[in-house]
């Protein structure tokens, strides 16, 4: 198995999810149970994980690949709230696509309301960045800043996006895993895996998880799309942090979004791809520096 394929399995969290960290809780979000974890004190930072993560901790604390350390590092200076998206982990797993999309952004707002957080910094990765983009468009008044990791808002989706979404959802509905996504996350300049290898890997990544819930989540993703007009009107500080070898599909998504977010800060991590960027110290450093620069204490 190629190096990036092995890393893909490990970082997504094929093995047992990381142990619970900090204080955890659940609440009812429009009929769906949402789990969250909180740690630290200070200005609030909401973390939104990526697709198929088995828990918030497996995304932000420690994956089977090794330490990620985003949550514990940020918690040294901020009040960190890591949401577990619907369809994932111990949160509810509806099988109706209508329960996803914009509802995933509203889950964050409802969680903030529950915790009496008026405004928060938001850090998303991959799917989490698309959710953060919807928050930026629909609830800018609730945001102190937004950091888009390994992705960005869904705006003017690239050609082939809908076909990829349909292919991925169909694969999951058949119980055949996420091979279409694995192939689309090939590092820039890298050689794609053989179809057979991608199929095997795609099944392993979602082993033991609810593929029908994942399929519904995927079919709901287009409802996270935002308009260029709302991005152009944005006044919330935003940053993009991604690897130099990020998948072409996501590089295009980032480039389109930055075209409309004129004042966005961008940090490109040398040698990082979609899977390897998150655990790099450079990722944590970039996020922390941006949060400090846009905190009330830093101004």
Protein backbone atom coordinates (compact mmCIF):
# COMPACT_ATOMS: atom_id res chain seq x y z
CA UNK A 1 0.00 0.00 0.00
CA UNK A 2 1.38 3.41 -0.90
CA UNK A 3 2.52 5.79 1.83
CA UNK A 4 -0.34 8.24 1.38
CA UNK A 5 -2.88 5.42 1.35
CA UNK A 6 -1.63 4.14 4.70
CA UNK A 7 -1.69 7.65 6.11
CA UNK A 8 -5.25 8.11 4.87
CA UNK A 9 -6.44 5.08 6.82
CA UNK A 10 -4.65 6.07 9.99
CA UNK A 11 -5.58 9.74 10.10
CA UNK A 12 -9.25 9.20 9.37
CA UNK A 13 -9.29 6.90 12.38
CA UNK A 14 -9.82 3.38 11.13
CA UNK A 15 -8.71 2.02 14.49
CA UNK A 16 -10.38 2.72 17.83
CA UNK A 17 -11.33 6.39 18.35
CA UNK A 18 -9.18 8.41 20.74
CA UNK A 19 -10.17 8.42 24.38
CA UNK A 20 -12.51 11.15 25.56
CA UNK A 21 -10.78 14.38 26.55
CA UNK A 22 -11.95 17.33 28.60
CA UNK A 23 -15.63 17.64 29.44
CA UNK A 24 -18.10 16.04 27.07
CA UNK A 25 -21.80 16.57 26.65
CA UNK A 26 -24.71 16.05 24.30
CA UNK A 27 -27.77 18.08 23.39
CA UNK A 28 -30.78 17.90 21.12
CA UNK A 29 -30.28 19.89 17.91
CA UNK A 30 -33.57 20.01 16.04
CA UNK A 31 -34.26 16.37 16.87
CA UNK A 32 -30.71 15.04 16.42
CA UNK A 33 -28.35 14.28 19.31
CA UNK A 34 -25.06 16.16 19.01
CA UNK A 35 -22.00 15.28 21.09
CA UNK A 36 -19.33 17.84 21.91
CA UNK A 37 -16.14 18.14 23.96
CA UNK A 38 -14.89 21.25 25.75
CA UNK A 39 -11.48 22.07 27.22
CA UNK A 40 -9.62 25.18 28.31
CA UNK A 41 -10.55 28.74 29.21
CA UNK A 42 -10.58 32.02 27.33
CA UNK A 43 -12.13 33.14 24.08
CA UNK A 44 -14.17 30.32 22.52
CA UNK A 45 -12.90 28.34 19.53
CA UNK A 46 -15.18 25.82 17.83
CA UNK A 47 -13.51 22.93 15.98
CA UNK A 48 -15.41 21.22 13.14
CA UNK A 49 -13.96 17.91 11.97
CA UNK A 50 -13.80 16.25 8.56
CA UNK A 51 -15.89 13.56 6.87
CA UNK A 52 -15.89 10.02 8.37
CA UNK A 53 -13.99 11.03 11.54
CA UNK A 54 -15.07 8.49 14.20
CA UNK A 55 -14.89 11.11 16.96
CA UNK A 56 -13.90 14.71 17.56
CA UNK A 57 -10.86 13.50 19.52
CA UNK A 58 -9.68 11.23 16.70
CA UNK A 59 -9.59 14.28 14.43
CA UNK A 60 -8.14 16.90 16.76
CA UNK A 61 -6.20 15.06 19.50
CA UNK A 62 -4.72 11.75 18.45
CA UNK A 63 -5.26 9.48 15.48
CA UNK A 64 -3.79 6.01 15.05
CA UNK A 65 -1.14 7.73 12.92
CA UNK A 66 0.06 9.62 15.99
CA UNK A 67 -0.44 12.89 17.82
CA UNK A 68 -2.49 15.62 16.16
CA UNK A 69 -2.58 17.89 19.23
CA UNK A 70 -4.70 20.70 17.78
CA UNK A 71 -7.27 20.63 20.59
CA UNK A 72 -4.82 20.41 23.53
CA UNK A 73 -2.54 23.09 22.09
CA UNK A 74 -5.37 25.55 21.49
CA UNK A 75 -6.86 24.77 24.92
CA UNK A 76 -3.76 26.22 26.58
CA UNK A 77 -4.98 29.68 25.53
CA UNK A 78 -8.62 29.32 24.47
CA UNK A 79 -11.89 27.70 25.47
CA UNK A 80 -12.08 24.97 22.83
CA UNK A 81 -15.35 23.32 21.84
CA UNK A 82 -15.02 20.35 19.47
CA UNK A 83 -18.34 19.43 17.90
CA UNK A 84 -19.06 15.90 16.70
CA UNK A 85 -20.99 16.38 13.48
CA UNK A 86 -24.29 14.61 12.92
CA UNK A 87 -23.77 11.30 11.15
CA UNK A 88 -20.48 10.80 13.00
CA UNK A 89 -19.16 9.40 16.26
CA UNK A 90 -21.67 9.36 19.10
CA UNK A 91 -23.89 12.02 17.52
CA UNK A 92 -27.19 11.06 15.90
CA UNK A 93 -27.12 9.45 12.47
CA UNK A 94 -30.19 10.29 10.41
CA UNK A 95 -30.49 8.60 7.00
CA UNK A 96 -32.34 11.49 5.32
CA UNK A 97 -30.15 13.88 3.28
CA UNK A 98 -32.46 16.73 4.31
CA UNK A 99 -31.13 16.33 7.86
CA UNK A 100 -27.64 17.38 6.74
CA UNK A 101 -26.29 20.29 4.69
CA UNK A 102 -27.27 23.59 6.28
CA UNK A 103 -28.43 21.75 9.40
CA UNK A 104 -24.78 20.92 10.14
CA UNK A 105 -23.97 24.63 10.31
CA UNK A 106 -27.05 25.26 12.44
CA UNK A 107 -25.82 22.57 14.86
CA UNK A 108 -22.84 24.80 15.59
CA UNK A 109 -25.05 27.84 16.23
CA UNK A 110 -27.34 25.82 18.50
CA UNK A 111 -24.32 24.49 20.38
CA UNK A 112 -23.06 28.04 20.87
CA UNK A 113 -26.49 29.03 22.16
CA UNK A 114 -26.50 26.09 24.56
CA UNK A 115 -23.08 27.05 25.92
CA UNK A 116 -24.06 30.74 26.03
CA UNK A 117 -21.33 31.69 23.56
CA UNK A 118 -22.21 34.92 21.76
CA UNK A 119 -19.26 34.85 19.33
CA UNK A 120 -16.56 32.29 18.60
CA UNK A 121 -13.56 31.63 16.42
CA UNK A 122 -14.23 28.66 14.14
CA UNK A 123 -11.65 26.22 12.80
CA UNK A 124 -12.78 23.61 10.26
CA UNK A 125 -10.93 20.96 8.32
CA UNK A 126 -12.05 19.44 5.00
CA UNK A 127 -15.83 18.95 5.36
CA UNK A 128 -15.55 21.10 8.46
CA UNK A 129 -14.32 23.96 6.28
CA UNK A 130 -17.40 23.70 4.08
CA UNK A 131 -19.58 23.87 7.21
CA UNK A 132 -17.56 26.87 8.43
CA UNK A 133 -18.18 28.51 5.05
CA UNK A 134 -21.92 28.20 5.54
CA UNK A 135 -21.57 29.73 8.99
CA UNK A 136 -19.59 32.61 7.49
CA UNK A 137 -22.32 33.27 4.93
CA UNK A 138 -25.37 32.83 7.18
CA UNK A 139 -24.18 33.81 10.67
CA UNK A 140 -21.24 36.25 10.35
CA UNK A 141 -22.38 38.08 13.46
CA UNK A 142 -21.62 35.01 15.58
CA UNK A 143 -18.01 34.71 14.39
CA UNK A 144 -14.76 36.23 15.64
CA UNK A 145 -12.71 34.58 12.88
CA UNK A 146 -12.76 31.55 10.59
CA UNK A 147 -9.84 29.27 9.74
CA UNK A 148 -10.38 26.98 6.74
CA UNK A 149 -8.09 23.96 6.92
CA UNK A 150 -7.68 21.68 3.91
CA UNK A 151 -10.64 23.19 2.09
CA UNK A 152 -12.96 26.17 2.10
CA UNK A 153 -16.50 27.35 1.44
CA UNK A 154 -18.40 25.62 -1.35
CA UNK A 155 -18.87 28.40 -3.88
CA UNK A 156 -19.29 27.93 -7.62
CA UNK A 157 -18.44 24.21 -7.39
CA UNK A 158 -15.95 22.97 -9.94
CA UNK A 159 -17.00 20.84 -12.87
CA UNK A 160 -17.32 17.26 -11.72
CA UNK A 161 -18.27 18.11 -8.12
CA UNK A 162 -21.85 16.88 -8.45
CA UNK A 163 -20.76 13.70 -10.19
CA UNK A 164 -18.23 13.00 -7.44
CA UNK A 165 -20.86 13.58 -4.75
CA UNK A 166 -23.30 11.24 -6.47
CA UNK A 167 -20.67 8.56 -7.02
CA UNK A 168 -19.52 8.72 -3.40
CA UNK A 169 -23.05 8.62 -1.99
CA UNK A 170 -24.00 5.73 -4.27
CA UNK A 171 -20.93 3.77 -3.18
CA UNK A 172 -21.81 4.30 0.48
CA UNK A 173 -25.46 3.39 -0.08
CA UNK A 174 -24.27 0.07 -1.51
CA UNK A 175 -22.00 -0.49 1.49
CA UNK A 176 -18.90 -0.21 -0.70
CA UNK A 177 -17.10 2.57 1.13
CA UNK A 178 -15.53 5.82 -0.03
CA UNK A 179 -13.33 4.82 -2.99
CA UNK A 180 -14.49 7.82 -5.11
CA UNK A 181 -13.33 10.18 -2.36
CA UNK A 182 -10.03 8.36 -1.90
CA UNK A 183 -9.29 8.82 -5.59
CA UNK A 184 -10.24 12.51 -5.51
CA UNK A 185 -7.93 13.18 -2.57
CA UNK A 186 -4.82 12.05 -4.42
CA UNK A 187 -2.03 14.53 -3.55
CA UNK A 188 -1.31 17.10 -6.24
CA UNK A 189 1.26 15.65 -8.61
CA UNK A 190 0.81 12.18 -7.17
CA UNK A 191 -0.16 9.03 -9.01
CA UNK A 192 -3.68 7.78 -8.37
CA UNK A 193 -4.14 4.39 -6.79
CA UNK A 194 -5.40 1.51 -8.85
CA UNK A 195 -9.18 1.14 -8.68
CA UNK A 196 -8.88 -2.14 -6.77
CA UNK A 197 -6.64 -0.61 -4.11
CA UNK A 198 -8.91 2.43 -3.74
CA UNK A 199 -11.93 0.14 -3.36
CA UNK A 200 -10.26 -1.88 -0.62
CA UNK A 201 -9.06 1.21 1.20
CA UNK A 202 -12.45 2.90 0.83
CA UNK A 203 -14.11 0.00 2.62
CA UNK A 204 -11.54 -0.11 5.41
CA UNK A 205 -11.89 3.57 6.27
CA UNK A 206 -15.60 3.22 7.09
CA UNK A 207 -15.39 -0.23 8.65
CA UNK A 208 -17.91 -0.50 11.47
CA UNK A 209 -19.47 2.91 10.77
CA UNK A 210 -22.93 3.81 9.49
CA UNK A 211 -22.47 4.06 5.72
CA UNK A 212 -26.10 5.03 5.08
CA UNK A 213 -25.70 8.01 7.41
CA UNK A 214 -22.48 8.95 5.62
CA UNK A 215 -24.31 8.67 2.28
CA UNK A 216 -27.07 10.99 3.49
CA UNK A 217 -24.42 13.42 4.75
CA UNK A 218 -22.75 13.42 1.33
CA UNK A 219 -26.03 14.01 -0.51
CA UNK A 220 -26.66 16.96 1.79
CA UNK A 221 -23.30 18.63 1.10
CA UNK A 222 -24.53 20.72 -1.87
CA UNK A 223 -26.83 22.51 0.62
CA UNK A 224 -23.68 23.98 2.18
CA UNK A 225 -23.02 25.99 -0.99
CA UNK A 226 -22.75 29.75 -0.48
CA UNK A 227 -22.92 32.66 -2.91
CA UNK A 228 -20.06 34.76 -4.19
CA UNK A 229 -21.99 37.86 -3.12
CA UNK A 230 -21.99 36.81 0.54
CA UNK A 231 -18.28 36.08 0.46
CA UNK A 232 -17.55 39.44 -1.18
CA UNK A 233 -19.49 41.18 1.60
CA UNK A 234 -17.61 39.37 4.37
CA UNK A 235 -15.91 41.39 7.10
CA UNK A 236 -14.96 38.50 9.42
CA UNK A 237 -11.20 37.74 9.51
CA UNK A 238 -10.55 34.54 7.55
CA UNK A 239 -7.53 32.35 6.88
CA UNK A 240 -6.76 29.31 4.74
CA UNK A 241 -4.21 26.73 5.90
CA UNK A 242 -3.46 23.87 3.53
CA UNK A 243 -0.63 21.79 2.12
CA UNK A 244 1.33 22.48 -1.04
CA UNK A 245 0.29 19.02 -2.28
CA UNK A 246 -3.40 19.39 -1.44
CA UNK A 247 -5.74 17.53 -3.80
CA UNK A 248 -6.50 19.45 -6.99
CA UNK A 249 -10.26 19.37 -6.29
CA UNK A 250 -9.72 21.18 -3.00
CA UNK A 251 -7.07 23.54 -4.37
CA UNK A 252 -9.67 24.67 -6.89
CA UNK A 253 -12.24 25.12 -4.13
CA UNK A 254 -9.78 27.22 -2.12
CA UNK A 255 -8.75 29.32 -5.13
CA UNK A 256 -12.36 30.10 -5.99
CA UNK A 257 -13.18 31.13 -2.42
CA UNK A 258 -10.09 33.33 -2.04
CA UNK A 259 -11.04 35.12 -5.24
CA UNK A 260 -14.05 36.52 -3.37
CA UNK A 261 -12.55 36.75 0.13
CA UNK A 262 -10.19 39.55 -0.77
CA UNK A 263 -8.60 39.97 2.67
CA UNK A 264 -8.08 36.28 3.43
CA UNK A 265 -4.74 35.19 4.84
CA UNK A 266 -3.26 32.03 3.28
CA UNK A 267 -0.62 29.72 4.72
CA UNK A 268 0.66 26.92 2.51
CA UNK A 269 2.48 24.14 4.35
CA UNK A 270 5.30 22.79 2.27
CA UNK A 271 4.97 19.11 1.38
CA UNK A 272 1.62 18.68 3.08
CA UNK A 273 -1.27 16.87 1.40
CA UNK A 274 -4.87 16.49 2.54
CA UNK A 275 -4.02 13.81 5.07
CA UNK A 276 -0.56 14.79 6.29
CA UNK A 277 -1.13 18.53 6.80
CA UNK A 278 -3.35 18.40 9.89
CA UNK A 279 -0.85 16.71 12.27
CA UNK A 280 2.06 18.90 11.22
CA UNK A 281 3.32 21.40 13.84
CA UNK A 282 3.19 24.06 11.13
CA UNK A 283 -0.58 23.66 10.96
CA UNK A 284 -1.02 24.26 14.69
CA UNK A 285 1.38 27.19 14.57
CA UNK A 286 -0.50 28.87 11.71
CA UNK A 287 -3.87 28.41 13.43
CA UNK A 288 -2.61 29.70 16.78
CA UNK A 289 -0.97 32.76 15.24
CA UNK A 290 -4.16 33.65 13.39
CA UNK A 291 -6.32 33.17 16.50
CA UNK A 292 -3.98 35.31 18.61
CA UNK A 293 -3.93 38.03 15.97
CA UNK A 294 -7.72 38.18 15.93
CA UNK A 295 -8.49 37.74 19.61
CA UNK A 296 -9.80 40.61 21.67
CA UNK A 297 -6.61 40.39 23.78
CA UNK A 298 -4.44 40.66 20.68
CA UNK A 299 -6.10 43.79 19.35
